[in-house]
C-alpha atoms as a PDB file:
ATOM      1  CA  MET A   1     108.954 100.901 107.914  1.00  0.00           C
ATOM      2  CA  PRO A   2     109.085  98.707 104.753  1.00  0.00           C
ATOM      3  CA  SER A   3     106.637  96.365 104.143  1.00  0.00           C
ATOM      4  CA  THR A   4     107.902  92.591 104.418  1.00  0.00           C
ATOM      5  CA  ALA A   5     104.985  91.586 102.340  1.00  0.00           C
ATOM      6  CA  ARG A   6     105.769  88.861  99.485  1.00  0.00           C
ATOM      7  CA  PRO A   7     106.090  89.713  96.176  1.00  0.00           C
ATOM      8  CA  LEU A   8     102.878  89.820  94.094  1.00  0.00           C
ATOM      9  CA  HIS A   9     101.575  89.340  91.070  1.00  0.00           C
ATOM     10  CA  GLY A  10      99.224  89.920  88.250  1.00  0.00           C
ATOM     11  CA  ASP A  11      96.593  92.201  89.965  1.00  0.00           C
ATOM     12  CA  ALA A  12      97.717  92.475  93.395  1.00  0.00           C
ATOM     13  CA  SER A  13     100.879  93.966  92.484  1.00  0.00           C
ATOM     14  CA  ARG A  14      99.392  96.621  90.005  1.00  0.00           C
ATOM     15  CA  ALA A  15      97.000  97.244  93.422  1.00  0.00           C
ATOM     16  CA  ALA A  16     100.111  97.863  95.120  1.00  0.00           C
ATOM     17  CA  ALA A  17     101.986  99.496  92.726  1.00  0.00           C
ATOM     18  CA  ALA A  18      98.751 101.855  92.544  1.00  0.00           C
ATOM     19  CA  LEU A  19      98.523 101.961  96.192  1.00  0.00           C
ATOM     20  CA  SER A  20     102.741 103.386  96.942  1.00  0.00           C
ATOM     21  CA  ALA A  21     103.927 106.236  97.651  1.00  0.00           C
ATOM     22  CA  PRO A  22     107.231 107.909  96.020  1.00  0.00           C
ATOM     23  CA  ASP A  23     109.287 106.549  98.260  1.00  0.00           C
ATOM     24  CA  GLY A  24     107.783 102.975  97.745  1.00  0.00           C
ATOM     25  CA  ARG A  25     105.858 102.642 100.943  1.00  0.00           C
ATOM     26  CA  PRO A  26     102.387 102.223 100.757  1.00  0.00           C
ATOM     27  CA  ARG A  27      99.769 104.391 101.717  1.00  0.00           C
ATOM     28  CA  ALA A  28      96.656 104.835 103.079  1.00  0.00           C
ATOM     29  CA  HIS A  29      95.460 107.639 102.314  1.00  0.00           C
ATOM     30  CA  THR A  30      96.530 111.142 100.127  1.00  0.00           C
ATOM     31  CA  ALA A  31      98.267 114.356 101.780  1.00  0.00           C
ATOM     32  CA  ARG A  32      95.291 117.111 101.941  1.00  0.00           C
ATOM     33  CA  THR A  33      95.165 120.568 104.048  1.00  0.00           C
ATOM     34  CA  ARG A  34      91.633 121.157 105.315  1.00  0.00           C
ATOM     35  CA  ALA A  35      89.505 122.443 102.844  1.00  0.00           C
ATOM     36  CA  ILE A  36      87.272 125.548 102.357  1.00  0.00           C
ATOM     37  CA  VAL A  37      83.722 125.126 101.164  1.00  0.00           C
ATOM     38  CA  CYS A  38      81.307 127.897 100.968  1.00  0.00           C
ATOM     39  CA  GLY A  39      83.486 130.083 102.990  1.00  0.00           C
ATOM     40  CA  LEU A  40      83.477 127.693 105.938  1.00  0.00           C
ATOM     41  CA  ASP A  41      86.419 125.514 107.417  1.00  0.00           C
ATOM     42  CA  VAL A  42      85.730 121.837 106.882  1.00  0.00           C
ATOM     43  CA  GLU A  43      87.242 118.388 108.169  1.00  0.00           C
ATOM     44  CA  PRO A  44      88.277 116.333 105.164  1.00  0.00           C
ATOM     45  CA  CYS A  45      87.387 112.581 106.058  1.00  0.00           C
ATOM     46  CA  ASP A  46      88.451 109.366 105.185  1.00  0.00           C
ATOM     47  CA  LEU A  47      85.294 106.680 104.379  1.00  0.00           C
ATOM     48  CA  TYR A  48      86.035 103.200 104.192  1.00  0.00           C
ATOM     49  CA  ILE A  49      83.156 101.766 102.863  1.00  0.00           C
ATOM     50  CA  VAL A  50      82.828  97.601 104.056  1.00  0.00           C
ATOM     51  CA  ARG A  51      80.408  95.322 102.263  1.00  0.00           C
ATOM     52  CA  HIS A  52      79.696  92.595 105.127  1.00  0.00           C
ATOM     53  CA  ALA A  53      81.939  89.399 104.216  1.00  0.00           C
ATOM     54  CA  ILE A  54      80.620  85.913 103.036  1.00  0.00           C
ATOM     55  CA  ALA A  55      77.383  85.244 105.198  1.00  0.00           C
ATOM     56  CA  ALA A  56      75.292  81.682 105.606  1.00  0.00           C
ATOM     57  CA  GLU A  57      72.509  81.721 102.515  1.00  0.00           C
ATOM     58  CA  ARG A  58      68.686  82.855 103.002  1.00  0.00           C
ATOM     59  CA  GLY A  59      67.001  79.220 103.678  1.00  0.00           C
ATOM     60  CA  GLU A  60      64.495  77.783 106.807  1.00  0.00           C
ATOM     61  CA  GLU A  61      67.125  78.256 108.707  1.00  0.00           C
ATOM     62  CA  TRP A  62      67.611  81.044 108.467  1.00  0.00           C
ATOM     63  CA  PRO A  63      64.516  82.656 108.103  1.00  0.00           C
ATOM     64  CA  ASP A  64      65.194  85.749 109.565  1.00  0.00           C
ATOM     65  CA  ASP A  65      67.552  87.687 107.288  1.00  0.00           C
ATOM     66  CA  THR A  66      68.467  90.220 109.885  1.00  0.00           C
ATOM     67  CA  LYS A  67      69.944  87.550 111.542  1.00  0.00           C
ATOM     68  CA  ARG A  68      72.015  85.760 109.238  1.00  0.00           C
ATOM     69  CA  PRO A  69      75.178  85.313 110.488  1.00  0.00           C
ATOM     70  CA  LEU A  70      79.228  85.065 108.527  1.00  0.00           C
ATOM     71  CA  THR A  71      79.906  81.785 108.243  1.00  0.00           C
ATOM     72  CA  GLU A  72      83.727  80.341 109.208  1.00  0.00           C
ATOM     73  CA  GLU A  73      84.631  81.435 104.911  1.00  0.00           C
ATOM     74  CA  GLY A  74      84.047  84.396 105.837  1.00  0.00           C
ATOM     75  CA  ILE A  75      85.066  85.337 108.940  1.00  0.00           C
ATOM     76  CA  ALA A  76      88.669  83.201 108.436  1.00  0.00           C
ATOM     77  CA  ARG A  77      88.552  85.374 104.661  1.00  0.00           C
ATOM     78  CA  PHE A  78      87.946  88.823 105.459  1.00  0.00           C
ATOM     79  CA  LYS A  79      90.698  87.978 108.464  1.00  0.00           C
ATOM     80  CA  GLU A  80      92.784  87.665 105.921  1.00  0.00           C
ATOM     81  CA  ALA A  81      90.813  90.747 103.643  1.00  0.00           C
ATOM     82  CA  VAL A  82      92.227  92.825 106.970  1.00  0.00           C
ATOM     83  CA  GLY A  83      96.125  91.950 107.278  1.00  0.00           C
ATOM     84  CA  GLY A  84      96.042  93.625 103.771  1.00  0.00           C
ATOM     85  CA  LEU A  85      94.089  96.948 104.731  1.00  0.00           C
ATOM     86  CA  ALA A  86      97.344  96.624 107.628  1.00  0.00           C
ATOM     87  CA  TRP A  87      99.755  95.977 105.432  1.00  0.00           C
ATOM     88  CA  LEU A  88      98.197  99.840 104.010  1.00  0.00           C
ATOM     89  CA  ASP A  89      98.798 101.226 107.230  1.00  0.00           C
ATOM     90  CA  VAL A  90      95.091 102.048 106.931  1.00  0.00           C
ATOM     91  CA  GLU A  91      94.059 103.845 110.327  1.00  0.00           C
ATOM     92  CA  ILE A  92      90.266 104.041 111.155  1.00  0.00           C
ATOM     93  CA  ASP A  93      89.230 106.187 114.346  1.00  0.00           C
ATOM     94  CA  GLU A  94      85.042 105.086 114.193  1.00  0.00           C
ATOM     95  CA  ILE A  95      83.206 102.115 112.807  1.00  0.00           C
ATOM     96  CA  PHE A  96      79.539 102.023 111.930  1.00  0.00           C
ATOM     97  CA  THR A  97      77.848  99.304 111.043  1.00  0.00           C
ATOM     98  CA  SER A  98      74.619  98.080 109.532  1.00  0.00           C
ATOM     99  CA  PRO A  99      72.343  96.333 112.750  1.00  0.00           C
ATOM    100  CA  LEU A 100      72.127  93.367 111.204  1.00  0.00           C
ATOM    101  CA  VAL A 101      74.214  90.640 112.533  1.00  0.00           C
ATOM    102  CA  ARG A 102      76.583  89.653 109.349  1.00  0.00           C
ATOM    103  CA  ALA A 103      77.741  93.337 109.260  1.00  0.00           C
ATOM    104  CA  LYS A 104      78.242  93.487 112.742  1.00  0.00           C
ATOM    105  CA  GLN A 105      80.232  90.548 112.793  1.00  0.00           C
ATOM    106  CA  THR A 106      82.383  91.812 110.234  1.00  0.00           C
ATOM    107  CA  ALA A 107      82.636  95.160 111.769  1.00  0.00           C
ATOM    108  CA  THR A 108      84.185  93.668 114.725  1.00  0.00           C
ATOM    109  CA  LEU A 109      86.775  91.236 112.723  1.00  0.00           C
ATOM    110  CA  LEU A 110      87.478  94.601 111.110  1.00  0.00           C
ATOM    111  CA  ALA A 111      87.937  96.369 115.126  1.00  0.00           C
ATOM    112  CA  HIS A 112      90.160  93.593 116.053  1.00  0.00           C
ATOM    113  CA  GLY A 113      91.865  93.045 113.013  1.00  0.00           C
ATOM    114  CA  LEU A 114      93.340  97.213 113.123  1.00  0.00           C
ATOM    115  CA  GLY A 115      93.975  96.685 116.976  1.00  0.00           C
ATOM    116  CA  ASN A 116      91.161  99.362 116.855  1.00  0.00           C
ATOM    117  CA  LYS A 117      90.070 100.486 120.514  1.00  0.00           C
ATOM    118  CA  THR A 118      86.778 102.361 120.394  1.00  0.00           C
ATOM    119  CA  SER A 119      83.798 100.254 120.099  1.00  0.00           C
ATOM    120  CA  VAL A 120      81.738  99.166 116.935  1.00  0.00           C
ATOM    121  CA  LYS A 121      78.539 101.694 116.937  1.00  0.00           C
ATOM    122  CA  THR A 122      75.157 100.752 114.981  1.00  0.00           C
ATOM    123  CA  LEU A 123      74.319 103.018 112.188  1.00  0.00           C
ATOM    124  CA  GLU A 124      70.259 102.114 111.790  1.00  0.00           C
ATOM    125  CA  ALA A 125      70.639 104.261 107.645  1.00  0.00           C
ATOM    126  CA  LEU A 126      73.356 101.083 106.569  1.00  0.00           C
ATOM    127  CA  ALA A 127      70.523  98.887 106.989  1.00  0.00           C
ATOM    128  CA  PRO A 128      69.253  97.855 103.389  1.00  0.00           C
ATOM    129  CA  GLY A 129      66.755 100.219 101.979  1.00  0.00           C
ATOM    130  CA  HIS A 130      68.264 103.508 103.071  1.00  0.00           C
ATOM    131  CA  THR A 131      69.429 106.000 100.194  1.00  0.00           C
ATOM    132  CA  PRO A 132      73.199 107.468 100.346  1.00  0.00           C
ATOM    133  CA  PRO A 133      71.491 110.707 101.741  1.00  0.00           C
ATOM    134  CA  GLN A 134      70.152 109.256 104.656  1.00  0.00           C
ATOM    135  CA  VAL A 135      73.289 107.310 105.441  1.00  0.00           C
ATOM    136  CA  MET A 136      75.620 110.838 105.032  1.00  0.00           C
ATOM    137  CA  ASN A 137      72.704 112.840 107.565  1.00  0.00           C
ATOM    138  CA  GLU A 138      72.882 110.246 110.143  1.00  0.00           C
ATOM    139  CA  LEU A 139      76.528 109.858 110.123  1.00  0.00           C
ATOM    140  CA  SER A 140      76.477 114.023 109.771  1.00  0.00           C
ATOM    141  CA  ARG A 141      74.927 114.055 113.436  1.00  0.00           C
ATOM    142  CA  THR A 142      77.142 110.630 114.771  1.00  0.00           C
ATOM    143  CA  ALA A 143      80.569 110.858 114.106  1.00  0.00           C
ATOM    144  CA  LYS A 144      83.035 112.524 116.064  1.00  0.00           C
ATOM    145  CA  ARG A 145      86.473 111.458 115.014  1.00  0.00           C
ATOM    146  CA  HIS A 146      87.366 111.841 111.066  1.00  0.00           C
ATOM    147  CA  ARG A 147      88.233 108.359 109.951  1.00  0.00           C
ATOM    148  CA  ILE A 148      85.588 105.923 109.737  1.00  0.00           C
ATOM    149  CA  ALA A 149      84.374 102.637 108.396  1.00  0.00           C
ATOM    150  CA  LEU A 150      81.150 102.287 107.176  1.00  0.00           C
ATOM    151  CA  VAL A 151      80.475  98.435 106.879  1.00  0.00           C
ATOM    152  CA  GLY A 152      76.620  97.564 105.124  1.00  0.00           C
ATOM    153  CA  HIS A 153      75.383  95.678 102.276  1.00  0.00           C
ATOM    154  CA  GLU A 154      74.779  96.105  98.549  1.00  0.00           C
ATOM    155  CA  PRO A 155      73.125  97.310  96.766  1.00  0.00           C
ATOM    156  CA  GLY A 156      73.029 100.076  98.849  1.00  0.00           C
ATOM    157  CA  LEU A 157      76.913 100.740  99.508  1.00  0.00           C
ATOM    158  CA  GLY A 158      77.319 101.108  95.862  1.00  0.00           C
ATOM    159  CA  ASP A 159      75.056 103.797  95.654  1.00  0.00           C
ATOM    160  CA  LEU A 160      76.553 105.399  98.659  1.00  0.00           C
ATOM    161  CA  ALA A 161      80.104 105.782  97.430  1.00  0.00           C
ATOM    162  CA  ALA A 162      78.456 106.587  93.428  1.00  0.00           C
ATOM    163  CA  HIS A 163      77.052 109.217  95.384  1.00  0.00           C
ATOM    164  CA  LEU A 164      79.771 110.531  97.071  1.00  0.00           C
ATOM    165  CA  VAL A 165      81.891 110.378  94.348  1.00  0.00           C
ATOM    166  CA  GLY A 166      79.659 111.922  92.199  1.00  0.00           C
ATOM    167  CA  ALA A 167      79.939 108.213  89.594  1.00  0.00           C
ATOM    168  CA  PRO A 168      77.067 107.989  87.220  1.00  0.00           C
ATOM    169  CA  ARG A 169      75.750 104.719  88.249  1.00  0.00           C
ATOM    170  CA  PRO A 170      76.458 102.722  91.963  1.00  0.00           C
ATOM    171  CA  LEU A 171      80.196 100.731  92.372  1.00  0.00           C
ATOM    172  CA  PRO A 172      79.982  96.835  93.106  1.00  0.00           C
ATOM    173  CA  PHE A 173      81.076  95.819  95.725  1.00  0.00           C
ATOM    174  CA  LYS A 174      81.926  91.887  96.767  1.00  0.00           C
ATOM    175  CA  LYS A 175      81.778  90.950  99.960  1.00  0.00           C
ATOM    176  CA  GLY A 176      84.394  91.993 101.684  1.00  0.00           C
ATOM    177  CA  GLY A 177      85.345  94.281  99.408  1.00  0.00           C
ATOM    178  CA  VAL A 178      86.403  97.448 100.383  1.00  0.00           C
ATOM    179  CA  CYS A 179      86.165 101.300  99.225  1.00  0.00           C
ATOM    180  CA  TYR A 180      88.685 104.606 100.239  1.00  0.00           C
ATOM    181  CA  VAL A 181      87.287 107.448  99.587  1.00  0.00           C
ATOM    182  CA  ALA A 182      88.051 110.976 100.833  1.00  0.00           C
ATOM    183  CA  ILE A 183      85.816 113.965 101.376  1.00  0.00           C
ATOM    184  CA  GLN A 184      86.122 117.234 102.010  1.00  0.00           C
ATOM    185  CA  GLY A 185      83.277 116.594 105.413  1.00  0.00           C
ATOM    186  CA  LEU A 186      80.562 114.929 106.286  1.00  0.00           C
ATOM    187  CA  ALA A 187      78.312 117.725 105.256  1.00  0.00           C
ATOM    188  CA  SER A 188      79.836 118.744 101.870  1.00  0.00           C
ATOM    189  CA  ARG A 189      77.810 118.315  98.600  1.00  0.00           C
ATOM    190  CA  ARG A 190      81.287 118.339  96.578  1.00  0.00           C
ATOM    191  CA  PRO A 191      82.236 114.921  94.625  1.00  0.00           C
ATOM    192  CA  GLY A 192      85.326 113.157  96.801  1.00  0.00           C
ATOM    193  CA  GLU A 193      88.153 111.490  96.209  1.00  0.00           C
ATOM    194  CA  LEU A 194      87.957 107.604  95.062  1.00  0.00           C
ATOM    195  CA  VAL A 195      91.869 106.892  96.351  1.00  0.00           C
ATOM    196  CA  TRP A 196      91.187 103.348  95.950  1.00  0.00           C
ATOM    197  CA  PHE A 197      88.999 100.174  95.357  1.00  0.00           C
ATOM    198  CA  LEU A 198      90.048  96.635  96.317  1.00  0.00           C
ATOM    199  CA  PRO A 199      88.261  93.812  96.275  1.00  0.00           C
ATOM    200  CA  PRO A 200      88.557  91.225  98.632  1.00  0.00           C
ATOM    201  CA  LYS A 201      90.634  88.847  96.454  1.00  0.00           C
ATOM    202  CA  VAL A 202      93.440  92.147  95.717  1.00  0.00           C
ATOM    203  CA  LEU A 203      93.621  92.590 100.148  1.00  0.00           C
ATOM    204  CA  ARG A 204      93.986  89.084 100.843  1.00  0.00           C
ATOM    205  CA  ARG A 205      96.903  88.684  98.729  1.00  0.00           C
ATOM    206  CA  LEU A 206      98.594  91.795  99.356  1.00  0.00           C
ATOM    207  CA  ALA A 207      98.673  90.178 103.298  1.00  0.00           C
ATOM    208  CA  ARG A 208     100.555  87.534 101.864  1.00  0.00           C
END
């Protein structure tokens, strides 16, 4: 079904053009076949790496950093950003989140916005202070599907994205930004494909 999004300009227009299939339809992922890695049949995975939305500032009101919630502005803006993901036909089977409140709230908004029927699951390795290998090791033991969203924090997500695509330095995430990486399997050591990396501002424009 053709998109009914309004005409785009500037960054959003360029992003939409880059994400369009040859027939002009928006695309969420590239066509890939099952990969053979080191003689093993490995199921390709679509990973959507999501930084939590805008949260309350640290201070006397929130002395425990793990309990800082999203602000009303953060909730409203991320709901719009999820509309951009829907415009791109993004489909997610499993959502894993950091145990921190702001990440859990973001994951719930993502699930509701995409009509996801599965529950949001906590992945301890997505909490601050963990390394990319720790994230992938825990994910490979836990995930049962192959279209997966990971909701967490900086600088860990920037390190994770770089690790997955073989980049020499971290890929910085804005709050509410989403990075889509296609990998050959959760246990694969081969670099994945950076399909797109969109800041929240562009995602909100795609939704309009």
